[in-house]
Amino acid sequence: MGGSRFTLKDKGMAMIDEDLKGELELFRDNVKRFIDTEILPHYDKWEKAEIFPREIWNKLGEQGLLSVDTPEEYGGFETNFLFSMVIIEEFSRANCNGLGVSLSVHSDIVAPYILNHGSEEQKKKYLPKMVSGECVGAIAMTEPAAGSDLQGIRTIARKDGDSYIINGSKIFITNGQHADVVIVVARTNLDVSGSKGTSLFLIDADNPGFKRGQNLDKVGLHCSDTSELFFEDLRVPASACLGAVDTGFHIMMNELPRERLTLAVGAVANAEGVMAMTSQYVKERQAFGRPVAMLQNTRFKMAEMATDVRIHRSFVNECCELFRQGKLDNTTVSMAKLGTTEMQGRIVDGCLQLHGGYGYMTEYGVSRAFVDARVQRIYGGTSEIMKELISRQVLA
C-alpha cells in the first residue's frame, strides 16, 4: 500500500452504486497487497508461536486498516461500513482467520461500543489510538460459568464513593494478551436480574488490579491470542463506566447485530477462499490416471458447495445493505450468523475430503481452515442460541 492511508469519507446513499463499488474494489486491492506482503510470508510462523507480534497492530494502523469507519474527529477515516467488511473478507478469504478475528474484535466490536455509547472524553481518549494501532481493544464478557447466558455473569463492580471496585474473572478473551483497553461486563446491582443490573467499564490494562492469565491453547485460530483475565480489587473512577450504569445488557443487545454480521461476512469469505484453493488442487491432483476434477463425485460436490456458498453470499450482501441503512434486525442477523457459519463448516469439511490424505496435513491450507471454522458456530452466540432467537420471532 506504499504507506498511504485510505481517506475516502463516506458519501452515504447519495453516492451512486457504481462509484461505491469502484472505491471498494480499489480499497480491496490495497488490503490484498498488504496481506500478500506483510501477513502471508509470516503467518505459518505466527500460527506455530500461537500469537502474532504486537507490532502488527501498528502496521495495520499505519496502513489505515483499523476502525476505518470511525469519524474523522476521533482520528478515523469516516468511511462507509462496507469498507470495514472488505478488510474482514480479505483476511478470511486469505485463510488468515486468527488475525482476522482479532482485528474484527478491535475494529468492529470495541471501537463501535465506544463510539456509540462512550462519553466525549472516552471517545477522544481511546478512538484515535485504536485507529493508529497504539491502543488494542478487547471485550470481556464470557466467564467460566457464563457463556451464552450473559445474565449469569458473576464479576462484580461495587460502588465505593466516586469509584467502583471490580472483582472477578473472564475467559476466552480475544486480544487478551495484547489489549491496552478492555470493555469489562460486570454486575452493578445484585437486587435485580442481570438484564437490569449489568454495566460496562473501560479498563486500562496498566491498572494495578488488572492481571492477564495464560494465552489459552486452542483447537484453531492459533495466532489469535485468547486469554483469561482477572480483576482483583480493581478500582476505577465512575467515569470509566461505558454508557449509563445498569444499562450494559441493553447496550450489548444493541451492538450484537454488527458483531454477528461480521462473523457471517467472514464465514462466507472464508468458504469462498477454501473453495478456490480446492478447485486448484483437484485440477492438479491425479487419481486413476486423470485429474481428480474429472471424477463425477468431485464435480458434483464442487457444484453443490458452490451453490451453497453463493446462496449465503447473497443473503450476507442483503444484510450488509440493511445494516448500512439501519434496518438490520436481530432475527435476520441471527439467521445470517446461523446459516453462514453452519455453511462454512460444511464447506471446509467437504473441501478437506476432496484433498484426501493431504487435507489432513497442516502444510495444506484447508486443514487450517477446517480447525479455524469450528469455533464460528460457538462464539458470538452459539448456533443453538441463534435458533432460539429466530424461533421466538417465527412463533410470535
Protein backbone atom coordinates (compact mmCIF):
# COMPACT_ATOMS: atom_id res chain seq x y z
CA MET A 1 0.00 0.00 0.00
CA GLY A 2 3.04 2.20 -0.20
CA GLY A 3 2.46 3.71 3.22
CA SER A 4 -0.61 5.65 2.08
CA ARG A 5 -3.75 5.67 4.18
CA PHE A 6 -7.24 5.40 2.79
CA THR A 7 -9.08 8.66 3.25
CA LEU A 8 -12.40 8.37 1.41
CA LYS A 9 -15.17 9.89 3.50
CA ASP A 10 -18.50 8.09 3.47
CA LYS A 11 -20.86 9.71 0.99
CA GLY A 12 -23.77 7.59 2.20
CA MET A 13 -26.70 6.71 0.00
CA ALA A 14 -26.08 9.77 -2.17
CA MET A 15 -23.08 8.01 -3.65
CA ILE A 16 -24.17 6.00 -6.69
CA ASP A 17 -23.70 2.25 -6.52
CA GLU A 18 -21.09 2.06 -9.26
CA ASP A 19 -18.93 4.71 -7.63
CA LEU A 20 -19.13 2.89 -4.31
CA LYS A 21 -18.27 -0.43 -5.92
CA GLY A 22 -15.26 1.12 -7.63
CA GLU A 23 -13.95 2.64 -4.41
CA LEU A 24 -14.49 -0.63 -2.56
CA GLU A 25 -12.55 -2.61 -5.15
CA LEU A 26 -9.64 -0.15 -5.08
CA PHE A 27 -9.58 -0.47 -1.32
CA ARG A 28 -9.84 -4.25 -1.60
CA ASP A 29 -6.77 -4.33 -3.84
CA ASN A 30 -4.83 -2.38 -1.21
CA VAL A 31 -5.90 -4.79 1.53
CA LYS A 32 -4.88 -7.78 -0.60
CA ARG A 33 -1.45 -6.30 -1.25
CA PHE A 34 -0.91 -5.69 2.45
CA ILE A 35 -1.87 -9.28 3.26
CA ASP A 36 0.37 -10.65 0.50
CA THR A 37 3.42 -8.67 1.56
CA GLU A 38 3.10 -8.22 5.32
CA ILE A 39 1.00 -11.15 6.54
CA LEU A 40 1.17 -14.31 4.44
CA PRO A 41 5.00 -14.66 4.42
CA HIS A 42 4.98 -14.85 8.23
CA TYR A 43 1.60 -16.38 9.04
CA ASP A 44 2.71 -20.00 9.46
CA LYS A 45 5.38 -18.89 11.93
CA TRP A 46 2.82 -16.92 13.95
CA GLU A 47 0.47 -19.89 13.97
CA LYS A 48 3.20 -22.09 15.46
CA ALA A 49 4.05 -19.40 18.01
CA GLU A 50 0.33 -19.17 18.84
CA ILE A 51 0.44 -15.38 18.77
CA PHE A 52 1.27 -12.71 16.20
CA PRO A 53 3.69 -9.86 17.06
CA ARG A 54 2.33 -6.78 18.82
CA GLU A 55 3.84 -4.54 16.14
CA ILE A 56 1.39 -5.91 13.57
CA TRP A 57 -1.24 -3.72 15.20
CA ASN A 58 0.91 -0.68 14.49
CA LYS A 59 1.41 -1.77 10.87
CA LEU A 60 -2.33 -2.22 10.44
CA GLY A 61 -2.83 1.25 11.83
CA GLU A 62 -0.18 2.78 9.58
CA GLN A 63 -1.91 1.29 6.56
CA GLY A 64 -5.33 2.58 7.59
CA LEU A 65 -6.85 -0.84 8.26
CA LEU A 66 -8.14 -0.32 11.80
CA SER A 67 -11.56 1.09 12.71
CA VAL A 68 -11.88 2.66 9.26
CA ASP A 69 -15.42 3.92 9.80
CA THR A 70 -14.51 5.90 12.92
CA PRO A 71 -15.34 9.62 12.40
CA GLU A 72 -12.55 11.98 11.42
CA GLU A 73 -12.95 13.98 14.63
CA TYR A 74 -11.71 10.92 16.52
CA GLY A 75 -8.82 10.17 14.20
CA GLY A 76 -10.64 7.87 11.80
CA PHE A 77 -11.47 7.99 8.11
CA GLU A 78 -15.28 8.11 8.34
CA THR A 79 -15.66 5.57 5.57
CA ASN A 80 -18.73 3.54 4.75
CA PHE A 81 -19.28 0.48 6.98
CA LEU A 82 -18.70 -1.71 3.91
CA PHE A 83 -15.01 -0.81 3.85
CA SER A 84 -14.60 -2.44 7.24
CA MET A 85 -16.29 -5.55 5.87
CA VAL A 86 -13.84 -5.64 2.95
CA ILE A 87 -10.98 -5.95 5.44
CA ILE A 88 -12.67 -8.87 7.20
CA GLU A 89 -13.48 -10.51 3.87
CA GLU A 90 -9.93 -10.41 2.60
CA PHE A 91 -8.31 -11.70 5.79
CA SER A 92 -10.89 -14.50 5.85
CA ARG A 93 -10.53 -15.29 2.14
CA ALA A 94 -6.74 -15.44 2.56
CA ASN A 95 -7.25 -18.05 5.32
CA CYS A 96 -5.80 -15.71 7.96
CA ASN A 97 -8.73 -16.21 10.30
CA GLY A 98 -6.77 -15.91 13.53
CA LEU A 99 -5.58 -12.43 12.72
CA GLY A 100 -8.88 -11.51 11.11
CA VAL A 101 -10.84 -12.35 14.26
CA SER A 102 -8.50 -10.30 16.44
CA LEU A 103 -8.78 -7.37 14.06
CA SER A 104 -12.57 -7.61 13.95
CA VAL A 105 -12.94 -7.62 17.74
CA HIS A 106 -10.85 -4.44 17.86
CA SER A 107 -12.45 -2.60 14.93
CA ASP A 108 -15.99 -3.97 14.70
CA ILE A 109 -16.88 -4.53 18.35
CA VAL A 110 -14.78 -2.48 20.77
CA ALA A 111 -14.49 0.70 18.68
CA PRO A 112 -18.24 0.88 17.86
CA TYR A 113 -19.11 0.29 21.52
CA ILE A 114 -17.00 3.29 22.49
CA LEU A 115 -18.19 5.42 19.56
CA ASN A 116 -21.88 4.67 20.10
CA HIS A 117 -22.03 4.71 23.89
CA GLY A 118 -18.92 6.42 25.22
CA SER A 119 -18.60 9.89 26.69
CA GLU A 120 -16.81 12.56 24.70
CA GLU A 121 -13.82 12.13 26.99
CA GLN A 122 -13.76 8.36 26.41
CA LYS A 123 -14.01 8.74 22.64
CA LYS A 124 -11.14 11.23 22.50
CA LYS A 125 -9.00 9.12 24.81
CA TYR A 126 -9.33 5.77 23.07
CA LEU A 127 -10.55 6.01 19.47
CA PRO A 128 -7.60 7.88 17.87
CA LYS A 129 -5.17 5.40 19.41
CA MET A 130 -7.30 2.48 18.28
CA VAL A 131 -7.21 3.79 14.71
CA SER A 132 -3.41 4.09 14.83
CA GLY A 133 -2.85 0.72 16.48
CA GLU A 134 -1.30 2.32 19.54
CA CYS A 135 -4.18 1.02 21.66
CA VAL A 136 -5.53 -2.52 21.17
CA GLY A 137 -9.09 -3.23 22.27
CA ALA A 138 -10.76 -6.31 23.75
CA ILE A 139 -14.16 -7.05 25.26
CA ALA A 140 -14.54 -9.29 28.31
CA MET A 141 -17.98 -10.88 28.54
CA THR A 142 -17.52 -14.63 28.92
CA GLU A 143 -16.80 -16.18 32.30
CA PRO A 144 -16.07 -19.78 33.34
CA ALA A 145 -19.73 -20.18 34.37
CA ALA A 146 -21.33 -17.68 31.96
CA GLY A 147 -21.02 -18.08 28.20
CA SER A 148 -24.11 -17.58 26.07
CA ASP A 149 -26.08 -16.85 29.26
CA LEU A 150 -24.75 -13.37 29.95
CA GLN A 151 -27.25 -12.91 32.77
CA GLY A 152 -25.17 -15.41 34.74
CA ILE A 153 -22.18 -13.05 34.98
CA ARG A 154 -20.53 -13.05 38.41
CA THR A 155 -17.93 -10.31 38.04
CA ILE A 156 -18.98 -7.60 40.48
CA ALA A 157 -18.41 -3.83 40.35
CA ARG A 158 -19.13 -2.38 43.80
CA LYS A 159 -19.73 1.35 44.18
CA ASP A 160 -17.25 2.98 46.57
CA GLY A 161 -17.61 6.75 46.73
CA ASP A 162 -16.72 8.19 43.33
CA SER A 163 -15.21 4.86 42.23
CA TYR A 164 -16.08 1.26 41.51
CA ILE A 165 -14.12 -1.72 42.81
CA ILE A 166 -14.21 -4.65 40.41
CA ASN A 167 -13.59 -8.30 41.31
CA GLY A 168 -14.00 -11.31 39.07
CA SER A 169 -12.56 -13.17 36.12
CA LYS A 170 -13.15 -13.65 32.41
CA ILE A 171 -12.17 -16.39 29.99
CA PHE A 172 -11.77 -16.86 26.21
CA ILE A 173 -10.97 -13.17 25.71
CA THR A 174 -9.70 -12.39 22.20
CA ASN A 175 -6.78 -9.92 22.23
CA GLY A 176 -6.35 -10.58 25.95
CA GLN A 177 -2.55 -10.61 25.74
CA HIS A 178 -2.20 -7.55 23.50
CA ALA A 179 -5.08 -5.47 24.85
CA ASP A 180 -4.43 -1.99 26.19
CA VAL A 181 -8.10 -1.33 26.99
CA VAL A 182 -10.79 -3.88 27.80
CA ILE A 183 -14.55 -3.40 27.96
CA VAL A 184 -15.48 -5.39 31.06
CA VAL A 185 -19.01 -6.59 31.72
CA ALA A 186 -19.86 -6.58 35.44
CA ARG A 187 -22.87 -6.72 37.74
CA THR A 188 -23.56 -3.40 39.46
CA ASN A 189 -26.93 -4.21 41.02
CA LEU A 190 -27.45 -7.65 42.57
CA ASP A 191 -31.01 -6.90 43.64
CA VAL A 192 -32.37 -7.11 40.10
CA SER A 193 -31.93 -9.51 37.17
CA GLY A 194 -28.72 -9.49 35.15
CA SER A 195 -30.52 -7.82 32.27
CA LYS A 196 -31.29 -4.85 34.52
CA GLY A 197 -28.23 -4.69 36.79
CA THR A 198 -25.25 -5.06 34.46
CA SER A 199 -22.80 -2.31 33.44
CA LEU A 200 -19.83 -1.91 31.13
CA PHE A 201 -16.49 -0.47 32.19
CA LEU A 202 -13.48 0.68 30.17
CA ILE A 203 -10.47 -0.80 31.95
CA ASP A 204 -6.89 0.16 31.11
CA ALA A 205 -4.57 -2.84 31.16
CA ASP A 206 -2.00 -0.97 33.26
CA ASN A 207 -4.44 -0.70 36.16
CA PRO A 208 -2.82 -2.35 39.25
CA GLY A 209 -5.80 -4.68 39.74
CA PHE A 210 -5.71 -5.99 36.17
CA LYS A 211 -3.99 -9.35 35.62
CA ARG A 212 -3.63 -11.42 32.48
CA GLY A 213 -3.77 -15.18 32.66
CA GLN A 214 -2.19 -17.60 30.25
CA ASN A 215 -2.58 -17.47 26.48
CA LEU A 216 -5.01 -20.34 26.02
CA ASP A 217 -4.18 -23.31 23.77
CA LYS A 218 -6.99 -23.64 21.20
CA VAL A 219 -8.06 -26.14 18.55
CA GLY A 220 -7.78 -23.43 15.86
CA LEU A 221 -7.22 -19.70 15.37
CA HIS A 222 -3.79 -20.34 16.86
CA CYS A 223 -2.18 -16.95 16.25
CA SER A 224 -5.12 -15.08 17.79
CA ASP A 225 -4.26 -14.61 21.45
CA THR A 226 -7.09 -15.78 23.67
CA SER A 227 -6.68 -15.23 27.39
CA GLU A 228 -8.00 -15.44 30.88
CA LEU A 229 -8.32 -12.08 32.64
CA PHE A 230 -8.53 -11.41 36.36
CA PHE A 231 -9.68 -8.35 38.31
CA GLU A 232 -8.62 -8.16 41.95
CA ASP A 233 -9.89 -5.13 43.86
CA LEU A 234 -9.50 -3.17 40.64
CA ARG A 235 -10.50 0.43 41.29
CA VAL A 236 -11.77 2.68 38.51
CA PRO A 237 -13.43 6.10 38.60
CA ALA A 238 -17.14 6.28 37.92
CA SER A 239 -16.24 7.98 34.64
CA ALA A 240 -14.89 4.61 33.40
CA CYS A 241 -18.46 3.36 33.02
CA LEU A 242 -19.36 2.99 29.34
CA GLY A 243 -22.89 4.29 28.96
CA ALA A 244 -25.24 4.65 31.91
CA VAL A 245 -24.94 2.44 34.98
CA ASP A 246 -27.07 -0.74 34.83
CA THR A 247 -27.67 -0.42 31.07
CA GLY A 248 -24.87 -2.75 29.97
CA PHE A 249 -27.14 -5.58 28.88
CA HIS A 250 -29.20 -3.22 26.74
CA ILE A 251 -26.03 -1.84 25.13
CA MET A 252 -24.76 -5.33 24.34
CA MET A 253 -28.04 -6.30 22.70
CA ASN A 254 -27.93 -3.15 20.56
CA GLU A 255 -24.38 -3.90 19.39
CA LEU A 256 -24.87 -7.60 18.62
CA PRO A 257 -26.10 -7.09 15.02
CA ARG A 258 -22.73 -5.74 13.86
CA GLU A 259 -20.79 -8.45 15.71
CA ARG A 260 -22.89 -11.25 14.25
CA LEU A 261 -22.93 -9.72 10.78
CA THR A 262 -19.14 -9.53 10.86
CA LEU A 263 -18.96 -13.23 11.70
CA ALA A 264 -21.31 -14.00 8.81
CA VAL A 265 -19.24 -11.92 6.39
CA GLY A 266 -16.07 -13.73 7.45
CA ALA A 267 -17.72 -17.13 7.18
CA VAL A 268 -18.78 -16.61 3.56
CA ALA A 269 -15.45 -15.11 2.50
CA ASN A 270 -13.50 -17.95 4.09
CA ALA A 271 -15.71 -20.51 2.36
CA GLU A 272 -15.06 -18.75 -0.94
CA GLY A 273 -11.32 -18.81 -0.32
CA VAL A 274 -11.29 -22.51 0.60
CA MET A 275 -13.35 -23.30 -2.49
CA ALA A 276 -10.80 -21.51 -4.67
CA MET A 277 -7.85 -23.42 -3.21
CA THR A 278 -9.75 -26.71 -3.55
CA SER A 279 -10.67 -26.02 -7.16
CA GLN A 280 -6.99 -25.53 -7.96
CA TYR A 281 -5.99 -28.66 -6.05
CA VAL A 282 -8.47 -31.04 -7.71
CA LYS A 283 -7.43 -29.82 -11.15
CA GLU A 284 -3.80 -30.61 -10.39
CA ARG A 285 -4.12 -33.79 -8.31
CA GLN A 286 -4.10 -37.03 -10.33
CA ALA A 287 -6.09 -40.17 -9.49
CA PHE A 288 -6.74 -43.17 -11.69
CA GLY A 289 -4.72 -41.57 -14.46
CA ARG A 290 -6.59 -38.28 -14.67
CA PRO A 291 -7.20 -35.12 -12.62
CA VAL A 292 -9.47 -35.58 -9.60
CA ALA A 293 -11.57 -32.76 -11.06
CA MET A 294 -12.63 -35.12 -13.85
CA LEU A 295 -14.29 -37.55 -11.45
CA GLN A 296 -18.05 -37.17 -11.27
CA ASN A 297 -18.15 -37.16 -7.46
CA THR A 298 -15.70 -34.27 -7.38
CA ARG A 299 -17.65 -32.29 -9.94
CA PHE A 300 -20.98 -32.84 -8.18
CA LYS A 301 -19.56 -31.97 -4.75
CA MET A 302 -17.98 -28.79 -6.08
CA ALA A 303 -21.26 -27.83 -7.76
CA GLU A 304 -23.21 -28.41 -4.54
CA MET A 305 -20.73 -26.43 -2.43
CA ALA A 306 -20.53 -23.55 -4.90
CA THR A 307 -24.32 -23.27 -4.81
CA ASP A 308 -24.31 -23.34 -1.01
CA VAL A 309 -21.75 -20.55 -0.83
CA ARG A 310 -23.45 -18.36 -3.40
CA ILE A 311 -26.83 -18.55 -1.68
CA HIS A 312 -25.28 -17.39 1.58
CA ARG A 313 -23.24 -14.70 -0.17
CA SER A 314 -26.48 -13.18 -1.47
CA PHE A 315 -28.05 -13.21 1.98
CA VAL A 316 -24.99 -11.63 3.60
CA ASN A 317 -24.87 -8.91 0.97
CA GLU A 318 -28.52 -8.17 1.72
CA CYS A 319 -27.78 -7.99 5.45
CA CYS A 320 -24.85 -5.62 4.88
CA GLU A 321 -27.11 -3.26 2.98
CA LEU A 322 -29.77 -3.49 5.67
CA PHE A 323 -27.18 -2.68 8.33
CA ARG A 324 -25.92 0.25 6.28
CA GLN A 325 -29.48 1.60 6.23
CA GLY A 326 -30.00 0.95 9.95
CA LYS A 327 -32.64 -1.71 9.25
CA LEU A 328 -30.93 -4.97 10.21
CA ASP A 329 -32.99 -6.60 12.95
CA ASN A 330 -31.83 -9.20 15.47
CA THR A 331 -33.82 -12.05 13.94
CA THR A 332 -32.40 -11.52 10.46
CA VAL A 333 -28.80 -11.21 11.64
CA SER A 334 -29.28 -14.33 13.79
CA MET A 335 -30.36 -16.16 10.64
CA ALA A 336 -27.26 -14.88 8.87
CA LYS A 337 -24.92 -15.91 11.67
CA LEU A 338 -26.55 -19.35 11.97
CA GLY A 339 -26.77 -20.04 8.26
CA THR A 340 -23.33 -18.85 7.20
CA THR A 341 -21.31 -20.44 9.98
CA GLU A 342 -23.06 -23.79 9.57
CA MET A 343 -22.42 -23.48 5.82
CA GLN A 344 -18.76 -22.69 6.45
CA GLY A 345 -18.45 -25.88 8.47
CA ARG A 346 -19.94 -27.92 5.62
CA ILE A 347 -17.69 -26.33 3.02
CA VAL A 348 -14.38 -26.71 4.84
CA ASP A 349 -15.23 -30.32 5.69
CA GLY A 350 -16.20 -31.11 2.10
CA CYS A 351 -13.10 -29.41 0.72
CA LEU A 352 -10.82 -31.26 3.14
CA GLN A 353 -12.39 -34.53 1.99
CA LEU A 354 -11.60 -33.68 -1.63
CA HIS A 355 -7.95 -33.18 -0.64
CA GLY A 356 -7.84 -36.76 0.62
CA GLY A 357 -4.99 -37.58 2.98
CA TYR A 358 -3.21 -34.34 2.13
CA GLY A 359 -6.12 -32.39 3.55
CA TYR A 360 -5.22 -33.76 6.97
CA MET A 361 -1.68 -32.41 6.70
CA THR A 362 -1.00 -28.97 8.18
CA GLU A 363 1.05 -27.93 5.17
CA TYR A 364 -2.20 -27.62 3.23
CA GLY A 365 -4.30 -24.56 3.97
CA VAL A 366 -7.56 -26.49 4.04
CA SER A 367 -6.51 -28.14 7.30
CA ARG A 368 -6.14 -24.73 8.98
CA ALA A 369 -9.48 -23.60 7.56
CA PHE A 370 -11.08 -26.75 8.98
CA VAL A 371 -9.96 -26.18 12.59
CA ASP A 372 -10.41 -22.39 12.43
CA ALA A 373 -14.02 -22.71 11.28
CA ARG A 374 -15.20 -24.83 14.18
CA VAL A 375 -15.48 -22.01 16.70
CA GLN A 376 -17.61 -19.92 14.34
CA ARG A 377 -20.65 -21.92 15.48
CA ILE A 378 -19.85 -21.16 19.12
CA TYR A 379 -18.71 -17.58 19.72
CA GLY A 380 -20.89 -14.58 19.05
CA GLY A 381 -23.82 -16.74 20.16
CA THR A 382 -23.95 -20.49 19.55
CA SER A 383 -25.99 -21.98 16.73
CA GLU A 384 -28.45 -23.20 19.34
CA ILE A 385 -28.91 -19.70 20.75
CA MET A 386 -29.43 -18.37 17.21
CA LYS A 387 -32.17 -20.95 16.66
CA GLU A 388 -33.85 -19.94 19.90
CA LEU A 389 -33.80 -16.25 18.93
CA ILE A 390 -35.13 -16.96 15.45
CA SER A 391 -37.89 -19.24 16.74
CA ARG A 392 -39.22 -16.51 19.04
CA GLN A 393 -39.96 -14.33 16.04
CA VAL A 394 -41.21 -17.15 13.83
CA LEU A 395 -43.60 -18.39 16.51
CA ALA A 396 -44.66 -14.99 17.85
